[in-house]
C-alpha atoms as a PDB file:
ATOM      1  CA  MET A   1      28.815  24.208 268.339  1.00  0.00           C
ATOM      2  CA  MET A   2      28.225  27.667 266.875  1.00  0.00           C
ATOM      3  CA  LYS A   3      26.632  30.451 268.877  1.00  0.00           C
ATOM      4  CA  LEU A   4      25.447  33.865 267.690  1.00  0.00           C
ATOM      5  CA  LYS A   5      25.805  36.697 270.190  1.00  0.00           C
ATOM      6  CA  THR A   6      24.645  40.272 269.682  1.00  0.00           C
ATOM      7  CA  TYR A   7      26.063  43.323 271.450  1.00  0.00           C
ATOM      8  CA  SER A   8      24.433  46.578 272.506  1.00  0.00           C
ATOM      9  CA  SER A   9      27.768  48.152 273.508  1.00  0.00           C
ATOM     10  CA  PRO A  10      30.200  48.983 270.671  1.00  0.00           C
ATOM     11  CA  GLY A  11      33.050  48.926 273.188  1.00  0.00           C
ATOM     12  CA  ALA A  12      32.237  45.420 274.396  1.00  0.00           C
ATOM     13  CA  PHE A  13      31.847  44.296 270.782  1.00  0.00           C
ATOM     14  CA  LEU A  14      35.230  45.723 269.780  1.00  0.00           C
ATOM     15  CA  ASP A  15      36.864  43.955 272.718  1.00  0.00           C
ATOM     16  CA  LYS A  16      35.423  40.684 271.462  1.00  0.00           C
ATOM     17  CA  VAL A  17      36.127  40.944 267.710  1.00  0.00           C
ATOM     18  CA  GLN A  18      39.138  43.271 267.364  1.00  0.00           C
ATOM     19  CA  ARG A  19      41.825  40.604 267.454  1.00  0.00           C
ATOM     20  CA  PHE A  20      39.913  38.491 264.917  1.00  0.00           C
ATOM     21  CA  LEU A  21      39.381  41.373 262.476  1.00  0.00           C
ATOM     22  CA  GLU A  22      42.914  42.705 262.887  1.00  0.00           C
ATOM     23  CA  GLU A  23      44.370  39.440 261.618  1.00  0.00           C
ATOM     24  CA  LYS A  24      43.636  41.081 258.244  1.00  0.00           C
ATOM     25  CA  GLU A  25      43.420  44.708 259.317  1.00  0.00           C
ATOM     26  CA  ALA A  26      43.681  46.300 255.869  1.00  0.00           C
ATOM     27  CA  LEU A  27      41.070  43.971 254.378  1.00  0.00           C
ATOM     28  CA  ASN A  28      38.765  44.657 257.336  1.00  0.00           C
ATOM     29  CA  ASN A  29      39.231  48.434 257.393  1.00  0.00           C
ATOM     30  CA  LEU A  30      35.482  48.939 256.879  1.00  0.00           C
ATOM     31  CA  PRO A  31      34.051  46.901 259.790  1.00  0.00           C
ATOM     32  CA  LEU A  32      36.905  47.969 262.080  1.00  0.00           C
ATOM     33  CA  GLY A  33      36.469  51.622 261.120  1.00  0.00           C
ATOM     34  CA  ILE A  34      32.709  51.514 261.660  1.00  0.00           C
ATOM     35  CA  ILE A  35      33.088  49.893 265.089  1.00  0.00           C
ATOM     36  CA  GLU A  36      35.835  52.345 266.114  1.00  0.00           C
ATOM     37  CA  SER A  37      33.548  55.240 265.139  1.00  0.00           C
ATOM     38  CA  LEU A  38      30.702  53.802 267.228  1.00  0.00           C
ATOM     39  CA  VAL A  39      33.040  53.307 270.194  1.00  0.00           C
ATOM     40  CA  LYS A  40      34.165  56.922 269.943  1.00  0.00           C
ATOM     41  CA  LYS A  41      30.554  58.097 270.093  1.00  0.00           C
ATOM     42  CA  GLU A  42      29.775  55.741 272.970  1.00  0.00           C
ATOM     43  CA  LYS A  43      32.706  57.046 275.006  1.00  0.00           C
ATOM     44  CA  SER A  44      31.754  60.684 274.413  1.00  0.00           C
ATOM     45  CA  GLY A  45      28.119  60.098 275.313  1.00  0.00           C
ATOM     46  CA  GLU A  46      26.870  60.774 271.784  1.00  0.00           C
ATOM     47  CA  ASP A  47      23.905  58.952 270.295  1.00  0.00           C
ATOM     48  CA  PHE A  48      25.353  56.077 268.255  1.00  0.00           C
ATOM     49  CA  GLY A  49      22.000  54.916 266.903  1.00  0.00           C
ATOM     50  CA  ASN A  50      20.852  51.325 266.962  1.00  0.00           C
ATOM     51  CA  PRO A  51      23.556  49.288 265.220  1.00  0.00           C
ATOM     52  CA  PHE A  52      23.367  45.538 264.755  1.00  0.00           C
ATOM     53  CA  LEU A  53      26.626  44.109 266.101  1.00  0.00           C
ATOM     54  CA  ALA A  54      26.980  40.343 266.141  1.00  0.00           C
ATOM     55  CA  ALA A  55      29.637  37.662 266.357  1.00  0.00           C
ATOM     56  CA  ILE A  56      29.481  33.934 265.856  1.00  0.00           C
ATOM     57  CA  GLU A  57      31.665  31.942 268.206  1.00  0.00           C
ATOM     58  CA  GLN A  58      32.762  28.329 267.983  1.00  0.00           C
ATOM     59  CA  ASN A  59      34.597  26.776 270.912  1.00  0.00           C
ATOM     60  CA  SER A  60      34.799  30.277 272.461  1.00  0.00           C
ATOM     61  CA  GLU A  61      36.598  31.644 269.366  1.00  0.00           C
ATOM     62  CA  VAL A  62      35.131  34.301 267.078  1.00  0.00           C
ATOM     63  CA  ILE A  63      34.716  32.926 263.561  1.00  0.00           C
ATOM     64  CA  PHE A  64      32.315  35.436 261.962  1.00  0.00           C
ATOM     65  CA  VAL A  65      31.382  39.101 262.391  1.00  0.00           C
ATOM     66  CA  VAL A  66      28.366  41.133 261.237  1.00  0.00           C
ATOM     67  CA  VAL A  67      28.181  44.930 261.491  1.00  0.00           C
ATOM     68  CA  ARG A  68      25.230  47.015 260.374  1.00  0.00           C
ATOM     69  CA  THR A  69      24.349  50.651 261.012  1.00  0.00           C
ATOM     70  CA  PRO A  70      20.805  51.218 259.690  1.00  0.00           C
ATOM     71  CA  PRO A  71      19.807  52.064 257.022  1.00  0.00           C
ATOM     72  CA  HIS A  72      23.047  50.741 255.506  1.00  0.00           C
ATOM     73  CA  ASN A  73      23.877  47.232 254.315  1.00  0.00           C
ATOM     74  CA  ALA A  74      25.268  44.546 256.592  1.00  0.00           C
ATOM     75  CA  VAL A  75      29.058  44.184 256.508  1.00  0.00           C
ATOM     76  CA  VAL A  76      30.165  40.566 256.883  1.00  0.00           C
ATOM     77  CA  TYR A  77      33.489  38.824 257.387  1.00  0.00           C
ATOM     78  CA  GLY A  78      34.527  35.392 258.567  1.00  0.00           C
ATOM     79  CA  ASP A  79      34.480  31.652 257.986  1.00  0.00           C
ATOM     80  CA  PRO A  80      32.006  30.811 255.168  1.00  0.00           C
ATOM     81  CA  SER A  81      31.034  27.633 257.034  1.00  0.00           C
ATOM     82  CA  ALA A  82      29.145  29.851 259.511  1.00  0.00           C
ATOM     83  CA  ILE A  83      26.886  31.465 256.902  1.00  0.00           C
ATOM     84  CA  PHE A  84      24.100  28.855 256.890  1.00  0.00           C
ATOM     85  CA  TYR A  85      23.791  29.083 260.666  1.00  0.00           C
ATOM     86  CA  LEU A  86      24.003  32.886 260.564  1.00  0.00           C
ATOM     87  CA  VAL A  87      21.248  33.364 257.990  1.00  0.00           C
ATOM     88  CA  GLN A  88      18.958  30.919 259.812  1.00  0.00           C
ATOM     89  CA  SER A  89      19.547  32.786 263.078  1.00  0.00           C
ATOM     90  CA  LEU A  90      18.812  36.167 261.502  1.00  0.00           C
ATOM     91  CA  ARG A  91      15.588  34.880 259.966  1.00  0.00           C
ATOM     92  CA  GLN A  92      14.465  33.374 263.286  1.00  0.00           C
ATOM     93  CA  GLU A  93      14.854  36.850 264.801  1.00  0.00           C
ATOM     94  CA  ASN A  94      12.897  38.381 261.867  1.00  0.00           C
ATOM     95  CA  ILE A  95      15.834  40.612 260.998  1.00  0.00           C
ATOM     96  CA  LEU A  96      15.532  42.294 257.599  1.00  0.00           C
ATOM     97  CA  LEU A  97      18.477  43.466 255.545  1.00  0.00           C
ATOM     98  CA  PRO A  98      18.599  45.818 252.527  1.00  0.00           C
ATOM     99  CA  GLY A  99      21.806  44.220 251.315  1.00  0.00           C
ATOM    100  CA  VAL A 100      25.217  42.857 252.226  1.00  0.00           C
ATOM    101  CA  LEU A 101      28.835  43.640 251.500  1.00  0.00           C
ATOM    102  CA  GLY A 102      32.097  41.979 252.300  1.00  0.00           C
ATOM    103  CA  PRO A 103      34.901  39.894 250.790  1.00  0.00           C
ATOM    104  CA  LYS A 104      33.625  38.529 247.496  1.00  0.00           C
ATOM    105  CA  GLU A 105      33.312  34.832 248.366  1.00  0.00           C
ATOM    106  CA  THR A 106      31.778  35.564 251.770  1.00  0.00           C
ATOM    107  CA  ALA A 107      29.250  38.125 250.540  1.00  0.00           C
ATOM    108  CA  GLU A 108      28.269  35.949 247.562  1.00  0.00           C
ATOM    109  CA  SER A 109      27.687  32.952 249.813  1.00  0.00           C
ATOM    110  CA  PHE A 110      25.662  35.024 252.290  1.00  0.00           C
ATOM    111  CA  ALA A 111      23.554  36.629 249.534  1.00  0.00           C
ATOM    112  CA  SER A 112      22.817  33.241 247.945  1.00  0.00           C
ATOM    113  CA  ARG A 113      21.735  31.659 251.235  1.00  0.00           C
ATOM    114  CA  TRP A 114      19.747  34.741 252.268  1.00  0.00           C
ATOM    115  CA  CYS A 115      17.755  34.761 249.029  1.00  0.00           C
ATOM    116  CA  GLU A 116      17.098  31.013 249.295  1.00  0.00           C
ATOM    117  CA  LEU A 117      15.540  31.443 252.729  1.00  0.00           C
ATOM    118  CA  THR A 118      13.737  34.764 252.199  1.00  0.00           C
ATOM    119  CA  GLY A 119      12.589  34.459 248.600  1.00  0.00           C
ATOM    120  CA  GLN A 120      14.198  37.810 247.850  1.00  0.00           C
ATOM    121  CA  THR A 121      16.329  38.459 244.794  1.00  0.00           C
ATOM    122  CA  ARG A 122      19.827  39.919 244.734  1.00  0.00           C
ATOM    123  CA  LYS A 123      21.676  42.204 242.395  1.00  0.00           C
ATOM    124  CA  ILE A 124      25.243  43.466 242.418  1.00  0.00           C
ATOM    125  CA  SER A 125      25.338  47.184 243.136  1.00  0.00           C
ATOM    126  CA  MET A 126      29.133  47.482 243.254  1.00  0.00           C
ATOM    127  CA  ASP A 127      32.139  45.313 242.511  1.00  0.00           C
ATOM    128  CA  GLN A 128      35.124  46.665 244.424  1.00  0.00           C
ATOM    129  CA  ARG A 129      38.811  46.082 245.059  1.00  0.00           C
ATOM    130  CA  ILE A 130      40.533  46.939 248.346  1.00  0.00           C
ATOM    131  CA  TYR A 131      44.050  48.353 248.101  1.00  0.00           C
ATOM    132  CA  LYS A 132      46.774  48.820 250.707  1.00  0.00           C
ATOM    133  CA  LEU A 133      49.707  51.246 250.592  1.00  0.00           C
ATOM    134  CA  THR A 134      52.866  50.857 252.673  1.00  0.00           C
ATOM    135  CA  ASN A 135      55.386  52.628 250.441  1.00  0.00           C
ATOM    136  CA  ILE A 136      54.725  55.535 248.099  1.00  0.00           C
ATOM    137  CA  ILE A 137      56.164  55.385 244.599  1.00  0.00           C
ATOM    138  CA  GLU A 138      57.242  58.917 243.807  1.00  0.00           C
ATOM    139  CA  GLY A 139      56.295  60.014 240.321  1.00  0.00           C
ATOM    140  CA  LYS A 140      55.836  63.145 238.295  1.00  0.00           C
ATOM    141  CA  LYS A 141      53.177  65.361 239.784  1.00  0.00           C
ATOM    142  CA  PRO A 142      51.560  68.640 238.752  1.00  0.00           C
ATOM    143  CA  ASN A 143      52.411  71.949 240.352  1.00  0.00           C
ATOM    144  CA  GLY A 144      50.517  72.594 243.531  1.00  0.00           C
ATOM    145  CA  ASN A 145      50.215  71.622 247.162  1.00  0.00           C
ATOM    146  CA  LEU A 146      47.985  69.726 249.551  1.00  0.00           C
ATOM    147  CA  ARG A 147      46.174  71.574 252.304  1.00  0.00           C
ATOM    148  CA  GLU A 148      43.422  70.912 254.801  1.00  0.00           C
ATOM    149  CA  ALA A 149      40.001  72.092 253.644  1.00  0.00           C
ATOM    150  CA  THR A 150      38.548  75.059 255.546  1.00  0.00           C
ATOM    151  CA  GLN A 151      35.128  76.645 256.029  1.00  0.00           C
ATOM    152  CA  GLU A 152      35.859  78.788 252.979  1.00  0.00           C
ATOM    153  CA  ASP A 153      35.816  75.582 250.912  1.00  0.00           C
ATOM    154  CA  PHE A 154      32.442  74.435 252.267  1.00  0.00           C
ATOM    155  CA  ASP A 155      30.267  75.207 249.233  1.00  0.00           C
ATOM    156  CA  LEU A 156      32.748  73.634 246.833  1.00  0.00           C
ATOM    157  CA  ILE A 157      33.251  70.511 248.982  1.00  0.00           C
ATOM    158  CA  ALA A 158      29.487  70.032 249.373  1.00  0.00           C
ATOM    159  CA  LYS A 159      29.038  70.406 245.600  1.00  0.00           C
ATOM    160  CA  TRP A 160      31.817  67.931 244.859  1.00  0.00           C
ATOM    161  CA  ILE A 161      30.477  65.384 247.354  1.00  0.00           C
ATOM    162  CA  TYR A 162      27.104  65.631 245.595  1.00  0.00           C
ATOM    163  CA  GLN A 163      28.745  65.104 242.184  1.00  0.00           C
ATOM    164  CA  PHE A 164      30.856  62.246 243.577  1.00  0.00           C
ATOM    165  CA  ALA A 165      27.722  60.566 244.980  1.00  0.00           C
ATOM    166  CA  GLU A 166      25.928  60.964 241.653  1.00  0.00           C
ATOM    167  CA  GLU A 167      28.768  59.289 239.765  1.00  0.00           C
ATOM    168  CA  ALA A 168      28.954  56.530 242.389  1.00  0.00           C
ATOM    169  CA  THR A 169      25.125  56.183 242.262  1.00  0.00           C
ATOM    170  CA  GLU A 170      24.921  56.649 246.030  1.00  0.00           C
ATOM    171  CA  GLY A 171      21.850  58.874 245.710  1.00  0.00           C
ATOM    172  CA  LEU A 172      22.655  61.409 248.447  1.00  0.00           C
ATOM    173  CA  THR A 173      20.494  64.510 248.757  1.00  0.00           C
ATOM    174  CA  GLU A 174      22.021  67.980 248.610  1.00  0.00           C
ATOM    175  CA  GLU A 175      21.307  68.383 252.326  1.00  0.00           C
ATOM    176  CA  GLU A 176      23.067  65.107 253.154  1.00  0.00           C
ATOM    177  CA  CYS A 177      26.071  66.243 251.119  1.00  0.00           C
ATOM    178  CA  LYS A 178      26.168  69.542 253.012  1.00  0.00           C
ATOM    179  CA  GLU A 179      26.069  67.645 256.309  1.00  0.00           C
ATOM    180  CA  ARG A 180      28.883  65.369 255.155  1.00  0.00           C
ATOM    181  CA  ALA A 181      30.956  68.343 254.006  1.00  0.00           C
ATOM    182  CA  LYS A 182      30.437  70.158 257.308  1.00  0.00           C
ATOM    183  CA  ARG A 183      31.405  67.073 259.309  1.00  0.00           C
ATOM    184  CA  ALA A 184      34.525  66.445 257.220  1.00  0.00           C
ATOM    185  CA  ILE A 185      35.684  70.056 257.546  1.00  0.00           C
ATOM    186  CA  ASP A 186      34.889  70.166 261.284  1.00  0.00           C
ATOM    187  CA  GLU A 187      36.769  66.886 261.846  1.00  0.00           C
ATOM    188  CA  LYS A 188      39.704  68.157 259.747  1.00  0.00           C
ATOM    189  CA  SER A 189      39.595  64.987 257.653  1.00  0.00           C
ATOM    190  CA  ILE A 190      39.172  66.407 254.158  1.00  0.00           C
ATOM    191  CA  TYR A 191      42.051  67.754 252.093  1.00  0.00           C
ATOM    192  CA  VAL A 192      42.316  69.543 248.765  1.00  0.00           C
ATOM    193  CA  TRP A 193      44.965  69.908 246.096  1.00  0.00           C
ATOM    194  CA  VAL A 194      45.565  73.540 245.141  1.00  0.00           C
ATOM    195  CA  SER A 195      47.153  74.444 241.794  1.00  0.00           C
ATOM    196  CA  GLU A 196      47.932  78.058 240.890  1.00  0.00           C
ATOM    197  CA  GLY A 197      45.646  79.255 243.666  1.00  0.00           C
ATOM    198  CA  LYS A 198      42.686  77.122 242.556  1.00  0.00           C
ATOM    199  CA  VAL A 199      41.260  74.107 244.404  1.00  0.00           C
ATOM    200  CA  VAL A 200      41.256  71.313 241.812  1.00  0.00           C
ATOM    201  CA  SER A 201      40.804  67.989 243.665  1.00  0.00           C
ATOM    202  CA  MET A 202      39.845  66.524 247.044  1.00  0.00           C
ATOM    203  CA  ALA A 203      40.425  63.421 249.149  1.00  0.00           C
ATOM    204  CA  ASN A 204      39.307  62.441 252.639  1.00  0.00           C
ATOM    205  CA  LYS A 205      40.795  60.571 255.590  1.00  0.00           C
ATOM    206  CA  ALA A 206      38.318  58.047 256.995  1.00  0.00           C
ATOM    207  CA  ARG A 207      37.930  55.061 259.311  1.00  0.00           C
ATOM    208  CA  PRO A 208      41.194  55.071 261.242  1.00  0.00           C
ATOM    209  CA  THR A 209      42.087  51.688 262.730  1.00  0.00           C
ATOM    210  CA  ARG A 210      44.939  50.687 265.006  1.00  0.00           C
ATOM    211  CA  ASN A 211      47.586  50.850 262.263  1.00  0.00           C
ATOM    212  CA  GLY A 212      45.911  52.316 259.197  1.00  0.00           C
ATOM    213  CA  ALA A 213      43.485  54.825 257.742  1.00  0.00           C
ATOM    214  CA  THR A 214      41.323  54.855 254.628  1.00  0.00           C
ATOM    215  CA  VAL A 215      41.416  57.397 251.812  1.00  0.00           C
ATOM    216  CA  ASN A 216      38.003  58.028 250.254  1.00  0.00           C
ATOM    217  CA  LEU A 217      35.908  60.744 248.572  1.00  0.00           C
ATOM    218  CA  VAL A 218      38.604  61.126 245.927  1.00  0.00           C
ATOM    219  CA  TYR A 219      37.143  63.537 243.388  1.00  0.00           C
ATOM    220  CA  THR A 220      38.224  65.864 240.618  1.00  0.00           C
ATOM    221  CA  PRO A 221      35.570  67.687 238.547  1.00  0.00           C
ATOM    222  CA  GLU A 222      35.334  66.469 234.967  1.00  0.00           C
ATOM    223  CA  ALA A 223      36.756  69.641 233.418  1.00  0.00           C
ATOM    224  CA  LEU A 224      39.968  69.254 235.472  1.00  0.00           C
ATOM    225  CA  ARG A 225      40.609  65.550 234.951  1.00  0.00           C
ATOM    226  CA  ASN A 226      43.585  63.904 233.217  1.00  0.00           C
ATOM    227  CA  LYS A 227      45.991  66.463 234.654  1.00  0.00           C
ATOM    228  CA  GLY A 228      47.312  64.342 237.543  1.00  0.00           C
ATOM    229  CA  TYR A 229      45.467  66.268 240.250  1.00  0.00           C
ATOM    230  CA  ALA A 230      43.731  63.250 241.840  1.00  0.00           C
ATOM    231  CA  SER A 231      46.994  61.290 241.911  1.00  0.00           C
ATOM    232  CA  ALA A 232      48.773  64.233 243.525  1.00  0.00           C
ATOM    233  CA  CYS A 233      45.991  64.695 246.082  1.00  0.00           C
ATOM    234  CA  VAL A 234      45.911  61.004 247.049  1.00  0.00           C
ATOM    235  CA  THR A 235      49.710  60.824 247.183  1.00  0.00           C
ATOM    236  CA  GLY A 236      49.877  63.943 249.344  1.00  0.00           C
ATOM    237  CA  LEU A 237      47.182  62.755 251.744  1.00  0.00           C
ATOM    238  CA  SER A 238      48.721  59.265 251.957  1.00  0.00           C
ATOM    239  CA  GLN A 239      52.088  60.801 252.852  1.00  0.00           C
ATOM    240  CA  HIS A 240      50.389  63.005 255.438  1.00  0.00           C
ATOM    241  CA  LEU A 241      48.832  59.912 257.032  1.00  0.00           C
ATOM    242  CA  PHE A 242      52.256  58.235 257.168  1.00  0.00           C
ATOM    243  CA  ASP A 243      53.643  61.400 258.762  1.00  0.00           C
ATOM    244  CA  GLN A 244      50.909  61.123 261.402  1.00  0.00           C
ATOM    245  CA  GLY A 245      52.186  57.664 262.327  1.00  0.00           C
ATOM    246  CA  TYR A 246      49.911  55.339 260.371  1.00  0.00           C
ATOM    247  CA  LYS A 247      51.682  52.265 259.031  1.00  0.00           C
ATOM    248  CA  PHE A 248      49.449  51.837 255.979  1.00  0.00           C
ATOM    249  CA  CYS A 249      46.639  53.429 253.995  1.00  0.00           C
ATOM    250  CA  THR A 250      43.715  51.680 252.327  1.00  0.00           C
ATOM    251  CA  LEU A 251      41.176  52.602 249.694  1.00  0.00           C
ATOM    252  CA  TYR A 252      38.344  51.034 247.732  1.00  0.00           C
ATOM    253  CA  THR A 253      38.001  51.208 243.954  1.00  0.00           C
ATOM    254  CA  ASP A 254      35.205  50.359 241.556  1.00  0.00           C
ATOM    255  CA  LEU A 255      36.431  47.459 239.418  1.00  0.00           C
ATOM    256  CA  THR A 256      34.451  48.822 236.460  1.00  0.00           C
ATOM    257  CA  ASN A 257      36.733  51.886 236.456  1.00  0.00           C
ATOM    258  CA  PRO A 258      40.131  50.706 235.152  1.00  0.00           C
ATOM    259  CA  THR A 259      41.524  54.261 235.170  1.00  0.00           C
ATOM    260  CA  SER A 260      41.313  54.739 238.934  1.00  0.00           C
ATOM    261  CA  ASN A 261      42.673  51.249 239.597  1.00  0.00           C
ATOM    262  CA  SER A 262      45.692  52.021 237.398  1.00  0.00           C
ATOM    263  CA  ILE A 263      46.273  55.424 239.001  1.00  0.00           C
ATOM    264  CA  TYR A 264      46.384  54.036 242.527  1.00  0.00           C
ATOM    265  CA  MET A 265      48.720  51.202 241.619  1.00  0.00           C
ATOM    266  CA  LYS A 266      51.155  53.723 240.108  1.00  0.00           C
ATOM    267  CA  ILE A 267      51.199  55.471 243.515  1.00  0.00           C
ATOM    268  CA  GLY A 268      52.074  52.171 245.209  1.00  0.00           C
ATOM    269  CA  TYR A 269      48.680  50.831 246.319  1.00  0.00           C
ATOM    270  CA  ARG A 270      48.473  47.042 246.026  1.00  0.00           C
ATOM    271  CA  PRO A 271      45.349  44.794 246.053  1.00  0.00           C
ATOM    272  CA  VAL A 272      44.590  42.915 249.279  1.00  0.00           C
ATOM    273  CA  GLY A 273      41.189  41.544 248.257  1.00  0.00           C
ATOM    274  CA  ASP A 274      37.963  42.058 246.387  1.00  0.00           C
ATOM    275  CA  SER A 275      34.710  43.192 247.955  1.00  0.00           C
ATOM    276  CA  ILE A 276      31.220  43.016 246.526  1.00  0.00           C
ATOM    277  CA  VAL A 277      27.957  44.769 247.411  1.00  0.00           C
ATOM    278  CA  TYR A 278      24.596  43.060 246.914  1.00  0.00           C
ATOM    279  CA  GLU A 279      21.183  44.701 247.233  1.00  0.00           C
ATOM    280  CA  PHE A 280      18.156  42.596 248.152  1.00  0.00           C
ATOM    281  CA  THR A 281      14.703  43.187 246.687  1.00  0.00           C
ATOM    282  CA  SER A 282      11.386  41.426 247.278  1.00  0.00           C
END
């Protein structure tokens, strides 16, 4: 018999679902990273908002996990056989969702069942591939070096995050981009590639899990593209993460962008699964 249980404590939730999610740690870098971030805030006494954290158990074993930090989409992972029960349970609790993301088959099944029961419609907002890196393939790279971004880079980083969000159709405001830039610089997570004294590309360390970390916010302004700067920046940051003790790196790509997928594979990143994002509309 299936049972849905929700958690108000991120720490208690992680204790329950960590082993299940870590069976495919690279594939589940997003839900694990989100939960780890919430746990960190909980331990430090920070406000961690009002996340929806739920697990479905069968015979005392976790078989499905849902993570949502409003206003973002629900992240789902688990046995597709639990989806009918899950969606019914969410509707009985009058829980509303703006969308869902997760492994392709799982997210598609959830979105289909959700729309059947709610009368909403779904549309794909992003088709993604998740990559994992364990060994870097050394290749030709442009002159330059990787360094941690500093306060002196703030205006440029904020501008690039805004441009990145525009291209990714994330719709962030300039103020939100400034906040994200400040947080990344303060947390020492964002790095830049410098060529001949000029900052030409950026990449960010995100969502550390037990054995891995994610590389995101990879961006080079249009005028500086096709010079190998993004590849060099991602390679340099990936190596830095290995030097810090991580066993692997992960990243997401947009499947509609064959260039970025090719670039990352040349570095040594290999696909571990596809992820899809659905938005729901009434």
